[in-house]
Structure formats: C-alpha cells, structure tokens
N, C-alpha and C. Protein backbone atom coordinates (compact mmCIF):
# COMPACT_ATOMS: atom_id res chain seq x y z
N MET A 1 292.93 -62.03 221.27
CA MET A 1 291.92 -62.79 221.66
C MET A 1 292.64 -63.93 222.85
N THR A 2 293.98 -64.21 223.46
CA THR A 2 294.36 -64.33 224.33
C THR A 2 293.57 -63.53 226.09
N SER A 3 293.67 -62.54 225.82
CA SER A 3 293.41 -61.57 226.87
C SER A 3 291.74 -62.29 227.27
N LEU A 4 290.92 -62.06 226.75
CA LEU A 4 289.61 -62.74 226.86
C LEU A 4 289.58 -63.88 227.25
N TYR A 5 290.46 -64.63 226.70
CA TYR A 5 290.94 -66.01 227.54
C TYR A 5 290.55 -66.16 229.00
N THR A 6 292.12 -64.84 229.27
CA THR A 6 292.30 -64.46 230.20
C THR A 6 291.10 -64.13 231.29
N TYR A 7 290.70 -62.50 231.11
CA TYR A 7 289.55 -62.66 231.23
C TYR A 7 288.54 -63.30 231.51
N LEU A 8 287.96 -63.93 231.12
CA LEU A 8 287.23 -65.09 231.59
C LEU A 8 288.02 -66.28 233.17
N ILE A 9 288.85 -66.58 232.49
CA ILE A 9 289.34 -67.56 233.14
C ILE A 9 289.72 -66.49 235.08
N ILE A 10 290.04 -65.26 234.75
CA ILE A 10 289.51 -64.66 236.02
C ILE A 10 288.72 -64.65 236.77
N LYS A 11 287.05 -63.55 235.38
CA LYS A 11 285.62 -63.96 235.77
C LYS A 11 285.76 -65.05 236.90
N PHE A 12 286.11 -66.37 236.23
CA PHE A 12 285.35 -67.28 236.63
C PHE A 12 286.14 -68.19 237.57
N LEU A 13 287.18 -67.55 238.41
CA LEU A 13 288.07 -67.59 239.40
C LEU A 13 287.36 -66.55 240.37
N SER A 14 287.31 -65.86 239.49
CA SER A 14 287.05 -64.69 240.78
C SER A 14 284.96 -65.14 241.28
N GLY A 15 284.31 -65.63 240.33
CA GLY A 15 283.24 -66.64 240.85
C GLY A 15 283.56 -67.30 241.77
N HIS A 16 284.29 -68.17 241.15
CA HIS A 16 284.36 -70.16 242.70
C HIS A 16 284.34 -69.22 243.95
N HIS A 17 284.87 -67.54 244.10
CA HIS A 17 286.37 -67.39 244.96
C HIS A 17 284.87 -67.26 245.67
N MET A 18 283.95 -66.16 244.81
CA MET A 18 282.34 -65.97 245.83
C MET A 18 281.03 -67.17 246.02
N LEU A 19 281.63 -68.25 245.32
CA LEU A 19 281.18 -69.26 245.50
C LEU A 19 281.17 -69.40 246.53
N TYR A 20 282.89 -70.33 246.71
CA TYR A 20 282.95 -70.05 248.20
C TYR A 20 283.05 -69.74 249.06
N HIS A 21 283.28 -68.68 249.33
CA HIS A 21 282.71 -67.67 250.44
C HIS A 21 281.67 -68.00 250.77
N VAL A 22 280.67 -67.74 250.14
CA VAL A 22 279.29 -67.99 250.24
C VAL A 22 278.76 -69.27 250.93
N ILE A 23 279.91 -70.60 250.39
CA ILE A 23 279.34 -71.84 250.89
C ILE A 23 280.18 -71.80 252.46
N HIS A 24 280.89 -71.20 252.61
CA HIS A 24 281.78 -70.76 253.22
C HIS A 24 281.02 -70.56 254.74
N MET A 25 280.36 -69.41 254.65
CA MET A 25 279.32 -68.25 255.28
C MET A 25 278.75 -69.85 255.40
N LEU A 26 277.60 -70.33 255.19
CA LEU A 26 276.27 -71.36 254.54
C LEU A 26 276.90 -72.68 255.75
N TYR A 27 278.40 -72.96 255.87
CA TYR A 27 278.75 -73.62 256.69
C TYR A 27 279.02 -73.53 257.93
N HIS A 28 279.51 -72.66 258.45
CA HIS A 28 279.47 -72.05 259.19
C HIS A 28 278.41 -71.72 260.55
N VAL A 29 277.69 -71.03 259.30
CA VAL A 29 275.78 -70.54 259.95
C VAL A 29 275.49 -72.03 260.69
N ILE A 30 275.69 -72.97 259.52
CA ILE A 30 274.96 -73.97 259.85
C ILE A 30 275.78 -74.73 261.15
N ILE A 31 277.05 -74.94 260.93
CA ILE A 31 277.63 -75.68 262.27
C ILE A 31 277.25 -74.74 263.40
N SER A 32 277.39 -73.39 263.63
CA SER A 32 277.03 -72.58 264.75
C SER A 32 275.01 -72.57 264.51
N TYR A 33 274.51 -73.59 263.76
CA TYR A 33 273.22 -73.40 263.83
C TYR A 33 273.46 -74.85 265.30
N ASP A 34 273.32 -75.18 264.82
CA ASP A 34 274.03 -76.50 265.11
C ASP A 34 274.63 -77.32 266.31
N ASN A 35 275.38 -75.81 267.14
CA ASN A 35 275.94 -75.72 268.03
C ASN A 35 274.68 -75.74 269.11
N LEU A 36 274.35 -74.69 268.39
CA LEU A 36 273.42 -73.65 269.15
C LEU A 36 271.67 -75.11 269.79
N LYS A 37 272.10 -75.68 268.72
CA LYS A 37 271.12 -76.76 269.00
C LYS A 37 270.66 -77.73 269.93
N LYS A 38 272.44 -78.44 270.11
CA LYS A 38 272.51 -78.76 271.03
C LYS A 38 273.41 -78.56 272.66
N GLN A 39 273.12 -76.81 272.81
CA GLN A 39 273.51 -76.51 273.25
C GLN A 39 271.61 -76.36 274.02
N LYS A 40 270.76 -76.32 273.07
CA LYS A 40 269.80 -76.05 274.26
C LYS A 40 269.47 -76.75 274.36
N THR A 41 269.96 -78.63 273.37
CA THR A 41 269.34 -80.24 274.04
C THR A 41 269.77 -80.14 275.77
N ILE A 42 270.96 -79.55 275.19
CA ILE A 42 271.62 -79.88 276.89
C ILE A 42 271.38 -79.17 278.14
N ILE A 43 270.90 -78.75 277.48
CA ILE A 43 269.79 -76.88 278.57
C ILE A 43 268.76 -77.85 279.10
N LEU A 44 268.03 -78.20 277.87
CA LEU A 44 266.42 -78.73 278.28
C LEU A 44 266.97 -79.79 278.92
N ILE A 45 268.24 -80.60 278.61
CA ILE A 45 267.76 -81.94 279.71
C ILE A 45 268.62 -81.98 280.67
N ASN A 46 269.43 -81.27 281.27
CA ASN A 46 269.91 -80.58 282.71
C ASN A 46 269.15 -79.89 283.32
N LYS A 47 267.62 -79.27 282.51
CA LYS A 47 266.34 -78.95 282.93
C LYS A 47 265.35 -79.96 284.18
N LYS A 48 265.88 -80.48 282.86
CA LYS A 48 264.50 -82.62 282.89
C LYS A 48 264.97 -82.97 284.23
N PHE A 49 266.53 -83.39 284.44
CA PHE A 49 267.08 -83.35 285.34
C PHE A 49 267.09 -83.05 286.52
N GLY A 50 266.91 -81.89 286.57
CA GLY A 50 267.28 -80.72 287.41
C GLY A 50 265.94 -81.22 288.20
N GLN A 51 265.00 -80.83 287.73
CA GLN A 51 263.42 -81.25 288.04
C GLN A 51 263.55 -82.70 288.42
N ILE A 52 263.63 -83.68 288.08
CA ILE A 52 264.10 -85.16 288.26
C ILE A 52 264.91 -85.03 290.01
N ARG A 53 265.73 -84.62 290.12
CA ARG A 53 266.72 -84.77 290.97
C ARG A 53 265.72 -83.28 292.00
N THR A 54 264.63 -82.53 292.73
CA THR A 54 264.07 -81.90 292.80
C THR A 54 263.22 -82.55 293.04
N LEU A 55 262.28 -83.30 292.52
CA LEU A 55 261.40 -84.07 292.73
C LEU A 55 262.09 -85.28 293.47
C-alpha cells in the first residue's frame, strides 16, 4: 500500500516537474517574443525619426 502512495506521489511530482518545464518554456517564449516586438517597435520608431530627420 505504501509503495502505491509513493508511486503516486512520484508520478504527481514528475508530472508537476513536466508542467513546470512547459510553463518555464512558455514564459521564455513570451518574454523573447515581447522583446522581439519591442526591438521591432524601436527599429520602426528609429526609422520614422530617421525619415523625419532626412526630411
């Protein structure tokens, strides 16, 4: 009976470990995507200001 509980706990923990990894990965993807968007926005703003300057 104890081994079954231990097995379930280990299964539960490993499942949560997987979940943690997935969340961690998603977090990184979202962060890098956000940074990419910011960089693109900065590039666009720089281009616009560059155009204004050249005018």
